[in-house]
Amino acid sequence: MASWPTLAAVRTYLRLQPEPGSDAVIQSALAAAVDFGVARFGKDPATGLDVYPPDATTVPDSAYQACLIHAARLSKRRDSTDGTIGFGDLGVIRVGRFDVDAESLYVQHAPMVFG
């Protein structure tokens, strides 16, 4: 069990050194990823409180890793503002909506929701 990832953890995952401009982007992405994780786990029906609030210290390791991947992906998303990434002579590829690895880690614990 762990807490939600920190800025330093995401920075390490991305192999980046501290830099004020990048740190602001990473922190924003991390906050969004934690919000997603908190919402994904939902609320405890008995208490009405978040199962794993942002300050939780009992987050499953798989949820920690999913949030870390999600935050890294969101921070790198600034390089593909229109949803595509160019590779010079190789052309352009579209960035998918969801990260399959993060999703498979969240699914282990979070309820699956059908719209």
Protein backbone atom coordinates (compact mmCIF):
# COMPACT_ATOMS: atom_id res chain seq x y z
CA MET A 1 0.00 0.00 0.00
CA ALA A 2 1.13 3.52 -0.76
CA SER A 3 -0.11 7.07 -1.08
CA TRP A 4 -0.91 8.68 -4.42
CA PRO A 5 2.24 9.58 -6.43
CA THR A 6 4.16 12.79 -5.77
CA LEU A 7 5.67 15.30 -8.17
CA ALA A 8 9.12 13.82 -7.47
CA ALA A 9 7.88 10.32 -8.31
CA VAL A 10 6.41 11.40 -11.64
CA ARG A 11 9.55 13.38 -12.46
CA THR A 12 11.67 10.30 -11.71
CA TYR A 13 9.38 8.12 -13.83
CA LEU A 14 9.84 10.56 -16.73
CA ARG A 15 13.63 10.72 -16.10
CA LEU A 16 13.52 14.51 -15.70
CA GLN A 17 15.45 16.86 -13.45
CA PRO A 18 13.65 19.55 -11.44
CA GLU A 19 12.77 22.53 -13.60
CA PRO A 20 10.17 25.14 -12.61
CA GLY A 21 8.43 25.24 -16.01
CA SER A 22 8.20 21.48 -16.39
CA ASP A 23 7.34 20.95 -12.73
CA ALA A 24 4.27 23.17 -13.07
CA VAL A 25 3.02 21.10 -16.02
CA ILE A 26 3.78 17.82 -14.26
CA GLN A 27 2.07 18.98 -11.05
CA SER A 28 -1.05 19.95 -12.99
CA ALA A 29 -1.07 16.58 -14.77
CA LEU A 30 -0.52 14.78 -11.47
CA ALA A 31 -3.44 16.61 -9.84
CA ALA A 32 -5.69 15.60 -12.74
CA ALA A 33 -4.50 11.98 -12.56
CA VAL A 34 -5.11 11.81 -8.79
CA ASP A 35 -8.58 13.34 -9.27
CA PHE A 36 -9.29 10.68 -11.89
CA GLY A 37 -8.08 7.93 -9.56
CA VAL A 38 -10.16 9.21 -6.66
CA ALA A 39 -13.25 9.39 -8.87
CA ARG A 40 -12.51 5.99 -10.40
CA PHE A 41 -12.55 4.30 -7.00
CA GLY A 42 -15.76 6.09 -6.09
CA LYS A 43 -17.31 6.53 -2.67
CA ASP A 44 -17.82 4.11 0.17
CA PRO A 45 -21.58 3.37 0.21
CA ALA A 46 -21.60 3.14 4.02
CA THR A 47 -19.95 6.52 4.70
CA GLY A 48 -20.36 8.45 1.45
CA LEU A 49 -16.64 9.35 1.61
CA ASP A 50 -14.07 8.76 -1.13
CA VAL A 51 -12.59 5.26 -0.92
CA TYR A 52 -9.08 6.66 -1.55
CA PRO A 53 -9.09 10.45 -1.09
CA PRO A 54 -6.14 12.55 -2.34
CA ASP A 55 -4.44 12.31 1.06
CA ALA A 56 -4.91 8.53 1.39
CA THR A 57 -1.94 6.44 2.50
CA THR A 58 -3.52 3.06 1.75
CA VAL A 59 -3.77 3.24 -2.04
CA PRO A 60 -3.15 -0.18 -3.65
CA ASP A 61 0.21 -0.43 -5.41
CA SER A 62 -1.48 -1.07 -8.74
CA ALA A 63 -3.51 2.15 -8.38
CA TYR A 64 -0.33 4.04 -7.50
CA GLN A 65 1.33 2.74 -10.67
CA ALA A 66 -1.75 3.50 -12.78
CA CYS A 67 -1.83 7.06 -11.47
CA LEU A 68 1.91 7.45 -12.11
CA ILE A 69 1.53 6.30 -15.72
CA HIS A 70 -1.54 8.50 -16.17
CA ALA A 71 0.21 11.60 -14.79
CA ALA A 72 3.26 11.00 -16.99
CA ARG A 73 1.05 10.54 -20.03
CA LEU A 74 -0.90 13.71 -19.30
CA SER A 75 2.25 15.77 -18.81
CA LYS A 76 3.72 14.51 -22.11
CA ARG A 77 0.39 15.28 -23.80
CA ARG A 78 1.51 18.90 -24.18
CA ASP A 79 3.72 17.64 -27.01
CA SER A 80 0.61 16.52 -28.89
CA THR A 81 -1.97 19.25 -28.38
CA ASP A 82 -4.05 18.13 -31.34
CA GLY A 83 -3.87 14.43 -30.44
CA THR A 84 -1.16 13.54 -32.95
CA ILE A 85 2.62 13.16 -32.83
CA GLY A 86 4.80 13.71 -35.87
CA PHE A 87 7.81 11.49 -36.60
CA GLY A 88 9.46 13.41 -39.46
CA ASP A 89 9.62 11.27 -42.59
CA LEU A 90 7.71 8.47 -40.88
CA GLY A 91 4.54 10.52 -40.72
CA VAL A 92 2.01 11.27 -38.01
CA ILE A 93 0.34 8.93 -35.53
CA ARG A 94 -2.74 9.52 -33.44
CA VAL A 95 -2.46 9.36 -29.66
CA GLY A 96 -5.09 7.05 -28.15
CA ARG A 97 -7.59 8.25 -25.55
CA PHE A 98 -6.61 5.78 -22.84
CA ASP A 99 -3.44 4.08 -21.74
CA VAL A 100 -4.11 0.35 -21.80
CA ASP A 101 -1.59 -0.37 -19.03
CA ALA A 102 -3.00 2.24 -16.66
CA GLU A 103 -6.53 1.05 -17.38
CA SER A 104 -5.66 -2.59 -16.67
CA LEU A 105 -4.09 -1.56 -13.34
CA TYR A 106 -7.13 0.51 -12.29
CA VAL A 107 -9.56 -2.26 -13.26
CA GLN A 108 -8.07 -4.58 -10.65
CA HIS A 109 -9.64 -2.57 -7.83
CA ALA A 110 -11.99 0.05 -9.20
CA PRO A 111 -15.53 -0.79 -10.27
CA MET A 112 -16.14 -0.94 -13.99
CA VAL A 113 -18.67 1.68 -15.06
CA PHE A 114 -20.93 1.32 -18.06
CA GLY A 115 -22.41 4.55 -19.41
